[in-house]
Amino acid sequence: MWEAVFSPCAPGPVATEAALDRAEAELGYGLPESYRAFCRTLGAGLANGYFRVAVPSDDPETDLLAQSELIAHSIASVIGERPDHRFEVEGDDPAVVERAGFFGRSEAGEFLFWDVVPGRDEYEIWVLGADLESVRFGGADLVDLMRRSQGPAVRGILGMGAAPLPASFVGDGTAGAAGLH
C-alpha cells in the first residue's frame, strides 16, 4: 500500500505489533489501522520530505509515547502563558483540539494530531500550525494526509504559500537519511 503513496520509498526502523499494542494501551485509545500499517511497513523516517510520524520505539526522538507527551506538554505550557489564547479551527468543531492525540510533527514546526473520537477505526488528522493557533484539516487518515499533501490540497493543509510535497519516504538509518533530524 505505502509503495503506491511514496516513490522512492526506503523504510526505516519499523514497529512490531506488540509495540503498537503496548502504545495503544498506554495512550488509552485505539491506534488507527492506516497508522499501524505505516509503523509496520515504513517505521521512523521523513515522509514527503516534510513530516515525521512518531512510531513506538526505544528512541525517544521517534517514539510515539515520548513525542506525544512532549508535544502536548509543550503546547500546554505555551498556551498556559497566554490566558486569552484561542485556536482558529477550520470547520465547525473547535472541540477537535480537546480530543487531540499528537503523533507527529513537520520540519517547519507544525504538529500532527488525530481527532480521537471513541468508536472509530480511523481518526481524522489535523495539523496545528507552528503559531499554535491555526488548526487545519489534514486528511481522513494517514494515507489521505500524505496523498493530499503531495498535490494542490497542500495549500489547505499547510497554508496558501505551500507547494506540493515530494512523494518520498526516507527511513531513519537508510542511505540519504543522514542529517534529516
N, C-alpha and C. Protein backbone atom coordinates (compact mmCIF):
# COMPACT_ATOMS: atom_id res chain seq x y z
N MET A 1 0.81 -1.19 0.00
CA MET A 1 0.00 0.00 0.00
C MET A 1 0.86 1.26 0.00
N TRP A 2 1.85 1.33 0.88
CA TRP A 2 2.63 2.55 1.01
C TRP A 2 3.54 2.80 -0.19
N GLU A 3 3.91 1.75 -0.92
CA GLU A 3 4.73 1.92 -2.11
C GLU A 3 3.96 2.71 -3.18
N ALA A 4 2.63 2.66 -3.11
CA ALA A 4 1.80 3.43 -4.05
C ALA A 4 1.70 4.90 -3.63
N VAL A 5 2.06 5.21 -2.40
CA VAL A 5 2.00 6.58 -1.90
C VAL A 5 3.36 7.27 -2.02
N PHE A 6 4.43 6.50 -1.78
CA PHE A 6 5.78 7.07 -1.79
C PHE A 6 6.65 6.38 -2.83
N SER A 7 7.29 7.18 -3.66
CA SER A 7 8.28 6.66 -4.59
C SER A 7 9.30 7.76 -4.83
N PRO A 8 10.49 7.68 -4.30
CA PRO A 8 11.10 6.48 -3.71
C PRO A 8 10.60 6.22 -2.28
N CYS A 9 10.80 4.98 -1.87
CA CYS A 9 10.37 4.55 -0.55
C CYS A 9 11.46 3.68 0.06
N ALA A 10 12.12 4.19 1.09
CA ALA A 10 13.19 3.47 1.79
C ALA A 10 12.82 3.37 3.27
N PRO A 11 12.22 2.26 3.70
CA PRO A 11 11.77 2.13 5.09
C PRO A 11 12.88 2.30 6.11
N GLY A 12 12.47 2.74 7.31
CA GLY A 12 13.37 2.88 8.44
C GLY A 12 13.06 1.82 9.48
N PRO A 13 13.48 2.04 10.72
CA PRO A 13 13.17 1.08 11.78
C PRO A 13 11.65 0.98 12.00
N VAL A 14 11.11 -0.22 11.85
CA VAL A 14 9.67 -0.44 11.95
C VAL A 14 9.27 -0.86 13.37
N ALA A 15 7.99 -0.76 13.64
CA ALA A 15 7.44 -1.15 14.94
C ALA A 15 6.80 -2.53 14.83
N THR A 16 6.87 -3.27 15.91
CA THR A 16 6.23 -4.59 15.95
C THR A 16 4.77 -4.42 16.37
N GLU A 17 4.00 -5.44 16.12
CA GLU A 17 2.59 -5.46 16.54
C GLU A 17 2.50 -5.33 18.07
N ALA A 18 3.41 -6.00 18.78
CA ALA A 18 3.42 -5.93 20.25
C ALA A 18 3.70 -4.51 20.73
N ALA A 19 4.62 -3.81 20.09
CA ALA A 19 4.93 -2.43 20.46
C ALA A 19 3.74 -1.52 20.19
N LEU A 20 3.06 -1.74 19.09
CA LEU A 20 1.87 -0.95 18.77
C LEU A 20 0.77 -1.20 19.81
N ASP A 21 0.59 -2.46 20.20
CA ASP A 21 -0.41 -2.79 21.22
C ASP A 21 -0.08 -2.14 22.56
N ARG A 22 1.20 -2.14 22.94
CA ARG A 22 1.61 -1.51 24.20
C ARG A 22 1.35 0.00 24.16
N ALA A 23 1.69 0.63 23.05
CA ALA A 23 1.46 2.07 22.90
C ALA A 23 -0.03 2.38 22.98
N GLU A 24 -0.82 1.59 22.32
CA GLU A 24 -2.27 1.76 22.34
C GLU A 24 -2.80 1.68 23.77
N ALA A 25 -2.32 0.70 24.53
CA ALA A 25 -2.76 0.54 25.92
C ALA A 25 -2.34 1.74 26.77
N GLU A 26 -1.13 2.23 26.57
CA GLU A 26 -0.65 3.39 27.34
C GLU A 26 -1.42 4.66 26.99
N LEU A 27 -1.72 4.84 25.72
CA LEU A 27 -2.43 6.05 25.29
C LEU A 27 -3.91 6.02 25.72
N GLY A 28 -4.47 4.82 25.81
CA GLY A 28 -5.87 4.70 26.22
C GLY A 28 -6.87 4.82 25.09
N TYR A 29 -6.41 4.76 23.86
CA TYR A 29 -7.31 4.76 22.70
C TYR A 29 -6.69 3.92 21.59
N GLY A 30 -7.54 3.44 20.70
CA GLY A 30 -7.08 2.60 19.61
C GLY A 30 -6.25 3.37 18.60
N LEU A 31 -5.24 2.71 18.07
CA LEU A 31 -4.43 3.32 17.01
C LEU A 31 -5.06 2.98 15.66
N PRO A 32 -5.23 3.97 14.80
CA PRO A 32 -5.87 3.73 13.50
C PRO A 32 -5.08 2.74 12.65
N GLU A 33 -5.78 1.98 11.83
CA GLU A 33 -5.14 0.96 11.00
C GLU A 33 -4.17 1.58 10.00
N SER A 34 -4.48 2.76 9.45
CA SER A 34 -3.54 3.38 8.50
C SER A 34 -2.22 3.69 9.19
N TYR A 35 -2.28 4.12 10.44
CA TYR A 35 -1.07 4.40 11.22
C TYR A 35 -0.34 3.09 11.55
N ARG A 36 -1.07 2.08 11.98
CA ARG A 36 -0.44 0.79 12.32
C ARG A 36 0.30 0.23 11.09
N ALA A 37 -0.34 0.31 9.92
CA ALA A 37 0.29 -0.18 8.69
C ALA A 37 1.55 0.63 8.38
N PHE A 38 1.49 1.94 8.58
CA PHE A 38 2.65 2.81 8.37
C PHE A 38 3.80 2.36 9.27
N CYS A 39 3.52 2.15 10.54
CA CYS A 39 4.56 1.75 11.51
C CYS A 39 5.16 0.39 11.21
N ARG A 40 4.33 -0.55 10.78
CA ARG A 40 4.81 -1.91 10.48
C ARG A 40 5.59 -1.97 9.17
N THR A 41 5.25 -1.07 8.24
CA THR A 41 5.83 -1.12 6.90
C THR A 41 6.99 -0.14 6.70
N LEU A 42 6.80 1.11 7.15
CA LEU A 42 7.78 2.17 6.90
C LEU A 42 8.61 2.53 8.13
N GLY A 43 7.98 2.67 9.28
CA GLY A 43 8.70 3.00 10.51
C GLY A 43 9.13 4.45 10.58
N ALA A 44 10.21 4.66 11.33
CA ALA A 44 10.69 6.03 11.58
C ALA A 44 11.40 6.59 10.35
N GLY A 45 11.08 7.83 10.01
CA GLY A 45 11.71 8.46 8.87
C GLY A 45 11.01 9.75 8.50
N LEU A 46 11.35 10.26 7.34
CA LEU A 46 10.81 11.52 6.84
C LEU A 46 9.88 11.24 5.66
N ALA A 47 8.60 11.57 5.85
CA ALA A 47 7.58 11.34 4.82
C ALA A 47 7.34 12.62 4.04
N ASN A 48 7.28 12.49 2.73
CA ASN A 48 7.06 13.63 1.83
C ASN A 48 8.10 14.73 2.03
N GLY A 49 9.27 14.35 2.53
CA GLY A 49 10.32 15.32 2.75
C GLY A 49 9.99 16.35 3.81
N TYR A 50 8.93 16.09 4.61
CA TYR A 50 8.42 17.14 5.49
C TYR A 50 7.87 16.66 6.83
N PHE A 51 7.24 15.48 6.85
CA PHE A 51 6.57 15.01 8.06
C PHE A 51 7.35 13.90 8.75
N ARG A 52 7.41 13.97 10.08
CA ARG A 52 7.97 12.91 10.90
C ARG A 52 6.84 12.35 11.75
N VAL A 53 6.46 11.12 11.44
CA VAL A 53 5.41 10.42 12.17
C VAL A 53 6.09 9.59 13.25
N ALA A 54 5.73 9.83 14.51
CA ALA A 54 6.33 9.08 15.62
C ALA A 54 5.81 7.64 15.60
N VAL A 55 6.70 6.71 15.89
CA VAL A 55 6.35 5.29 15.92
C VAL A 55 6.78 4.71 17.27
N PRO A 56 6.12 3.67 17.77
CA PRO A 56 6.61 3.05 19.00
C PRO A 56 8.06 2.62 18.82
N SER A 57 8.92 3.10 19.70
CA SER A 57 10.36 2.89 19.53
C SER A 57 11.08 3.05 20.86
N ASP A 58 12.29 2.52 20.94
CA ASP A 58 13.13 2.72 22.12
C ASP A 58 13.84 4.07 22.06
N ASP A 59 13.83 4.71 20.91
CA ASP A 59 14.48 6.01 20.72
C ASP A 59 13.48 7.12 21.04
N PRO A 60 13.71 7.91 22.10
CA PRO A 60 12.77 8.97 22.46
C PRO A 60 12.53 10.01 21.37
N GLU A 61 13.49 10.16 20.45
CA GLU A 61 13.33 11.12 19.35
C GLU A 61 12.25 10.70 18.36
N THR A 62 11.98 9.39 18.27
CA THR A 62 11.00 8.90 17.32
C THR A 62 9.83 8.17 17.98
N ASP A 63 9.88 7.97 19.29
CA ASP A 63 8.87 7.18 20.00
C ASP A 63 7.54 7.90 20.09
N LEU A 64 6.48 7.20 19.76
CA LEU A 64 5.13 7.77 19.78
C LEU A 64 4.76 8.30 21.16
N LEU A 65 4.96 7.51 22.21
CA LEU A 65 4.57 7.94 23.54
C LEU A 65 5.37 9.15 24.01
N ALA A 66 6.68 9.11 23.81
CA ALA A 66 7.53 10.22 24.24
C ALA A 66 7.20 11.50 23.47
N GLN A 67 7.03 11.38 22.16
CA GLN A 67 6.74 12.56 21.35
C GLN A 67 5.35 13.12 21.63
N SER A 68 4.37 12.24 21.79
CA SER A 68 3.01 12.68 22.09
C SER A 68 2.98 13.47 23.39
N GLU A 69 3.64 12.95 24.40
CA GLU A 69 3.68 13.62 25.70
C GLU A 69 4.44 14.95 25.60
N LEU A 70 5.57 14.95 24.92
CA LEU A 70 6.37 16.15 24.78
C LEU A 70 5.60 17.25 24.05
N ILE A 71 4.95 16.89 22.95
CA ILE A 71 4.19 17.87 22.18
C ILE A 71 3.05 18.44 23.01
N ALA A 72 2.27 17.57 23.64
CA ALA A 72 1.12 18.02 24.44
C ALA A 72 1.59 18.92 25.59
N HIS A 73 2.67 18.54 26.27
CA HIS A 73 3.18 19.33 27.38
C HIS A 73 3.68 20.70 26.89
N SER A 74 4.41 20.71 25.79
CA SER A 74 4.93 21.96 25.24
C SER A 74 3.81 22.92 24.86
N ILE A 75 2.78 22.39 24.21
CA ILE A 75 1.65 23.23 23.79
C ILE A 75 0.92 23.76 25.03
N ALA A 76 0.70 22.91 26.02
CA ALA A 76 0.02 23.34 27.24
C ALA A 76 0.81 24.43 27.95
N SER A 77 2.13 24.32 27.96
CA SER A 77 2.97 25.33 28.61
C SER A 77 2.85 26.68 27.92
N VAL A 78 2.91 26.68 26.61
CA VAL A 78 2.82 27.93 25.86
C VAL A 78 1.43 28.55 26.02
N ILE A 79 0.41 27.73 25.89
CA ILE A 79 -0.96 28.24 25.99
C ILE A 79 -1.24 28.74 27.41
N GLY A 80 -0.66 28.06 28.41
CA GLY A 80 -0.84 28.48 29.79
C GLY A 80 -0.29 29.87 30.06
N GLU A 81 0.66 30.30 29.26
CA GLU A 81 1.24 31.64 29.40
C GLU A 81 0.41 32.71 28.70
N ARG A 82 -0.57 32.28 27.93
CA ARG A 82 -1.43 33.22 27.19
C ARG A 82 -2.89 33.01 27.60
N PRO A 83 -3.36 33.71 28.60
CA PRO A 83 -4.72 33.49 29.08
C PRO A 83 -5.81 33.77 28.04
N ASP A 84 -5.52 34.60 27.06
CA ASP A 84 -6.51 34.92 26.04
C ASP A 84 -6.35 34.09 24.77
N HIS A 85 -5.58 33.00 24.83
CA HIS A 85 -5.30 32.18 23.65
C HIS A 85 -6.56 31.54 23.09
N ARG A 86 -6.66 31.54 21.76
CA ARG A 86 -7.76 30.87 21.06
C ARG A 86 -7.21 30.15 19.85
N PHE A 87 -7.72 28.95 19.61
CA PHE A 87 -7.37 28.22 18.40
C PHE A 87 -8.31 28.65 17.28
N GLU A 88 -7.76 28.84 16.10
CA GLU A 88 -8.56 29.14 14.92
C GLU A 88 -8.72 27.84 14.16
N VAL A 89 -9.83 27.14 14.43
CA VAL A 89 -10.06 25.81 13.87
C VAL A 89 -10.86 25.91 12.59
N GLU A 90 -10.31 25.31 11.53
CA GLU A 90 -11.01 25.22 10.26
C GLU A 90 -12.24 24.34 10.46
N GLY A 91 -13.35 24.73 9.90
CA GLY A 91 -14.56 23.92 10.02
C GLY A 91 -15.41 24.35 11.20
N ASP A 92 -16.27 23.45 11.61
CA ASP A 92 -17.27 23.86 12.60
C ASP A 92 -17.16 23.15 13.95
N ASP A 93 -16.02 22.53 14.26
CA ASP A 93 -15.90 21.80 15.51
C ASP A 93 -14.62 22.16 16.27
N PRO A 94 -14.64 23.25 17.03
CA PRO A 94 -13.44 23.65 17.78
C PRO A 94 -13.04 22.63 18.84
N ALA A 95 -13.93 21.71 19.22
CA ALA A 95 -13.61 20.68 20.22
C ALA A 95 -12.60 19.68 19.70
N VAL A 96 -12.28 19.74 18.40
CA VAL A 96 -11.29 18.83 17.83
C VAL A 96 -9.97 18.94 18.59
N VAL A 97 -9.64 20.12 19.07
CA VAL A 97 -8.39 20.34 19.80
C VAL A 97 -8.42 19.62 21.15
N GLU A 98 -9.57 19.57 21.79
CA GLU A 98 -9.70 18.89 23.07
C GLU A 98 -9.54 17.37 22.95
N ARG A 99 -9.79 16.83 21.76
CA ARG A 99 -9.68 15.39 21.53
C ARG A 99 -8.36 15.01 20.85
N ALA A 100 -7.42 15.94 20.82
CA ALA A 100 -6.16 15.74 20.09
C ALA A 100 -5.31 14.62 20.67
N GLY A 101 -4.87 13.75 19.79
CA GLY A 101 -3.87 12.74 20.10
C GLY A 101 -2.67 13.00 19.20
N PHE A 102 -1.64 13.64 19.72
CA PHE A 102 -0.49 14.05 18.90
C PHE A 102 0.35 12.84 18.51
N PHE A 103 0.79 12.84 17.24
CA PHE A 103 1.58 11.71 16.77
C PHE A 103 2.69 12.09 15.79
N GLY A 104 2.88 13.36 15.53
CA GLY A 104 3.93 13.72 14.59
C GLY A 104 4.13 15.21 14.51
N ARG A 105 5.12 15.58 13.68
CA ARG A 105 5.45 16.98 13.52
C ARG A 105 6.00 17.18 12.10
N SER A 106 6.09 18.45 11.73
CA SER A 106 6.66 18.77 10.42
C SER A 106 8.04 19.38 10.63
N GLU A 107 8.76 19.50 9.57
CA GLU A 107 10.07 20.12 9.62
C GLU A 107 9.97 21.62 9.92
N ALA A 108 8.79 22.22 9.72
CA ALA A 108 8.60 23.65 9.97
C ALA A 108 7.93 23.94 11.31
N GLY A 109 7.71 22.91 12.13
CA GLY A 109 7.17 23.12 13.46
C GLY A 109 5.68 22.91 13.63
N GLU A 110 4.97 22.47 12.60
CA GLU A 110 3.57 22.13 12.76
C GLU A 110 3.47 20.78 13.49
N PHE A 111 2.33 20.53 14.12
CA PHE A 111 2.11 19.28 14.83
C PHE A 111 0.94 18.53 14.21
N LEU A 112 1.09 17.23 14.06
CA LEU A 112 0.04 16.36 13.55
C LEU A 112 -0.71 15.75 14.71
N PHE A 113 -2.04 15.74 14.62
CA PHE A 113 -2.80 15.05 15.65
C PHE A 113 -4.04 14.39 15.07
N TRP A 114 -4.45 13.33 15.76
CA TRP A 114 -5.70 12.65 15.44
C TRP A 114 -6.82 13.30 16.22
N ASP A 115 -7.99 13.36 15.64
CA ASP A 115 -9.21 13.73 16.36
C ASP A 115 -9.73 12.41 16.94
N VAL A 116 -9.35 12.14 18.17
CA VAL A 116 -9.64 10.84 18.79
C VAL A 116 -11.11 10.81 19.24
N VAL A 117 -11.93 10.28 18.36
CA VAL A 117 -13.35 10.10 18.64
C VAL A 117 -13.56 8.62 18.94
N PRO A 118 -13.99 8.29 20.16
CA PRO A 118 -14.18 6.88 20.52
C PRO A 118 -15.11 6.15 19.55
N GLY A 119 -14.79 4.88 19.33
CA GLY A 119 -15.62 4.04 18.48
C GLY A 119 -15.28 4.07 17.01
N ARG A 120 -14.27 4.84 16.62
CA ARG A 120 -13.88 4.91 15.20
C ARG A 120 -12.65 4.06 14.96
N ASP A 121 -12.56 3.47 13.78
CA ASP A 121 -11.37 2.70 13.39
C ASP A 121 -10.26 3.61 12.88
N GLU A 122 -10.66 4.71 12.27
CA GLU A 122 -9.72 5.72 11.78
C GLU A 122 -10.12 7.05 12.37
N TYR A 123 -9.14 7.91 12.58
CA TYR A 123 -9.41 9.26 13.08
C TYR A 123 -9.00 10.26 12.01
N GLU A 124 -9.76 11.34 11.92
CA GLU A 124 -9.33 12.41 11.05
C GLU A 124 -8.00 12.95 11.57
N ILE A 125 -7.19 13.44 10.65
CA ILE A 125 -5.90 14.03 11.00
C ILE A 125 -5.98 15.54 10.81
N TRP A 126 -5.47 16.25 11.81
CA TRP A 126 -5.46 17.71 11.81
C TRP A 126 -4.04 18.18 12.00
N VAL A 127 -3.78 19.40 11.55
CA VAL A 127 -2.45 19.99 11.64
C VAL A 127 -2.56 21.29 12.44
N LEU A 128 -1.82 21.33 13.55
CA LEU A 128 -1.74 22.53 14.38
C LEU A 128 -0.54 23.33 13.89
N GLY A 129 -0.78 24.54 13.46
CA GLY A 129 0.28 25.39 12.92
C GLY A 129 1.36 25.68 13.93
N ALA A 130 2.53 26.01 13.44
CA ALA A 130 3.66 26.35 14.31
C ALA A 130 3.34 27.56 15.18
N ASP A 131 2.36 28.35 14.77
CA ASP A 131 1.92 29.50 15.56
C ASP A 131 1.09 29.09 16.77
N LEU A 132 0.76 27.80 16.86
CA LEU A 132 -0.08 27.22 17.92
C LEU A 132 -1.46 27.87 17.97
N GLU A 133 -1.89 28.36 16.82
CA GLU A 133 -3.22 28.97 16.74
C GLU A 133 -4.05 28.35 15.62
N SER A 134 -3.48 28.24 14.43
CA SER A 134 -4.25 27.73 13.30
C SER A 134 -4.31 26.20 13.34
N VAL A 135 -5.52 25.68 13.12
CA VAL A 135 -5.75 24.24 13.09
C VAL A 135 -6.47 23.93 11.79
N ARG A 136 -5.81 23.13 10.95
CA ARG A 136 -6.36 22.81 9.63
C ARG A 136 -6.54 21.31 9.46
N PHE A 137 -7.55 20.96 8.69
CA PHE A 137 -7.80 19.56 8.36
C PHE A 137 -6.67 19.03 7.49
N GLY A 138 -6.15 17.85 7.85
CA GLY A 138 -5.07 17.25 7.08
C GLY A 138 -5.53 16.13 6.18
N GLY A 139 -6.40 15.25 6.71
CA GLY A 139 -6.86 14.13 5.91
C GLY A 139 -7.76 13.21 6.70
N ALA A 140 -8.45 12.33 5.98
CA ALA A 140 -9.35 11.37 6.62
C ALA A 140 -8.58 10.29 7.36
N ASP A 141 -7.36 10.04 6.93
CA ASP A 141 -6.47 9.06 7.57
C ASP A 141 -5.05 9.39 7.13
N LEU A 142 -4.09 8.57 7.54
CA LEU A 142 -2.68 8.87 7.24
C LEU A 142 -2.38 8.80 5.74
N VAL A 143 -2.97 7.85 5.05
CA VAL A 143 -2.78 7.75 3.59
C VAL A 143 -3.31 9.02 2.93
N ASP A 144 -4.49 9.44 3.33
CA ASP A 144 -5.10 10.63 2.75
C ASP A 144 -4.25 11.88 3.00
N LEU A 145 -3.74 12.04 4.22
CA LEU A 145 -2.87 13.19 4.53
C LEU A 145 -1.66 13.21 3.60
N MET A 146 -1.00 12.07 3.47
CA MET A 146 0.21 12.03 2.64
C MET A 146 -0.11 12.32 1.18
N ARG A 147 -1.17 11.74 0.66
CA ARG A 147 -1.53 11.98 -0.75
C ARG A 147 -1.98 13.42 -0.97
N ARG A 148 -2.80 13.95 -0.08
CA ARG A 148 -3.29 15.33 -0.23
C ARG A 148 -2.14 16.33 -0.18
N SER A 149 -1.14 16.05 0.66
CA SER A 149 -0.02 16.99 0.78
C SER A 149 0.95 16.90 -0.40
N GLN A 150 0.75 15.92 -1.27
CA GLN A 150 1.57 15.79 -2.47
C GLN A 150 0.98 16.55 -3.66
N GLY A 151 -0.19 17.14 -3.48
CA GLY A 151 -0.86 17.85 -4.56
C GLY A 151 -1.31 19.23 -4.13
N PRO A 152 -2.17 19.86 -4.92
CA PRO A 152 -2.60 21.22 -4.62
C PRO A 152 -3.34 21.38 -3.29
N ALA A 153 -3.91 20.30 -2.75
CA ALA A 153 -4.60 20.37 -1.46
C ALA A 153 -3.65 20.74 -0.32
N VAL A 154 -2.35 20.67 -0.56
CA VAL A 154 -1.38 21.03 0.47
C VAL A 154 -1.59 22.47 0.96
N ARG A 155 -2.10 23.34 0.08
CA ARG A 155 -2.32 24.74 0.48
C ARG A 155 -3.37 24.84 1.58
N GLY A 156 -4.36 23.96 1.56
CA GLY A 156 -5.36 23.93 2.61
C GLY A 156 -4.83 23.32 3.91
N ILE A 157 -3.80 22.51 3.80
CA ILE A 157 -3.22 21.84 4.96
C ILE A 157 -2.15 22.71 5.61
N LEU A 158 -1.25 23.26 4.81
CA LEU A 158 -0.08 23.98 5.34
C LEU A 158 -0.11 25.48 5.09
N GLY A 159 -1.10 25.96 4.35
CA GLY A 159 -1.19 27.38 4.07
C GLY A 159 -1.07 27.67 2.58
N MET A 160 -1.57 28.82 2.18
CA MET A 160 -1.66 29.17 0.76
C MET A 160 -0.31 29.24 0.06
N GLY A 161 0.76 29.47 0.77
CA GLY A 161 2.08 29.55 0.15
C GLY A 161 2.76 28.20 -0.02
N ALA A 162 2.14 27.13 0.46
CA ALA A 162 2.77 25.81 0.39
C ALA A 162 2.71 25.23 -1.02
N ALA A 163 3.78 24.54 -1.39
CA ALA A 163 3.85 23.84 -2.67
C ALA A 163 3.70 22.34 -2.41
N PRO A 164 3.20 21.60 -3.40
CA PRO A 164 3.07 20.15 -3.21
C PRO A 164 4.39 19.52 -2.76
N LEU A 165 4.27 18.59 -1.83
CA LEU A 165 5.44 17.92 -1.27
C LEU A 165 5.84 16.73 -2.13
N PRO A 166 7.13 16.36 -2.10
CA PRO A 166 7.58 15.20 -2.89
C PRO A 166 7.03 13.90 -2.32
N ALA A 167 6.65 12.99 -3.18
CA ALA A 167 6.09 11.70 -2.78
C ALA A 167 7.22 10.74 -2.42
N SER A 168 7.85 10.99 -1.28
CA SER A 168 9.00 10.16 -0.90
C SER A 168 8.95 9.79 0.57
N PHE A 169 9.60 8.69 0.90
CA PHE A 169 9.81 8.31 2.29
C PHE A 169 11.25 7.85 2.43
N VAL A 170 11.96 8.49 3.35
CA VAL A 170 13.35 8.13 3.62
C VAL A 170 13.43 7.75 5.09
N GLY A 171 13.62 6.46 5.34
CA GLY A 171 13.65 5.97 6.70
C GLY A 171 14.92 6.38 7.43
N ASP A 172 14.79 6.59 8.75
CA ASP A 172 15.96 6.88 9.57
C ASP A 172 16.94 5.71 9.47
N GLY A 173 18.21 6.04 9.33
CA GLY A 173 19.23 5.00 9.26
C GLY A 173 19.43 4.43 7.86
N THR A 174 18.67 4.93 6.86
CA THR A 174 18.87 4.46 5.50
C THR A 174 19.78 5.44 4.76
N ALA A 175 20.32 5.02 3.67
CA ALA A 175 21.15 5.91 2.86
C ALA A 175 20.31 7.12 2.47
N GLY A 176 20.85 8.30 2.66
CA GLY A 176 20.12 9.51 2.33
C GLY A 176 19.39 10.11 3.52
N ALA A 177 19.32 9.39 4.65
CA ALA A 177 18.60 9.90 5.81
C ALA A 177 19.49 10.74 6.72
N ALA A 178 20.78 10.71 6.50
CA ALA A 178 21.70 11.47 7.37
C ALA A 178 21.36 12.94 7.33
N GLY A 179 21.34 13.56 8.48
CA GLY A 179 21.09 14.97 8.59
C GLY A 179 19.64 15.39 8.48
N LEU A 180 18.71 14.45 8.49
CA LEU A 180 17.31 14.81 8.35
C LEU A 180 16.65 15.12 9.67
N HIS A 181 17.31 14.96 10.77
CA HIS A 181 16.66 15.22 12.08
C HIS A 181 16.57 16.67 12.33
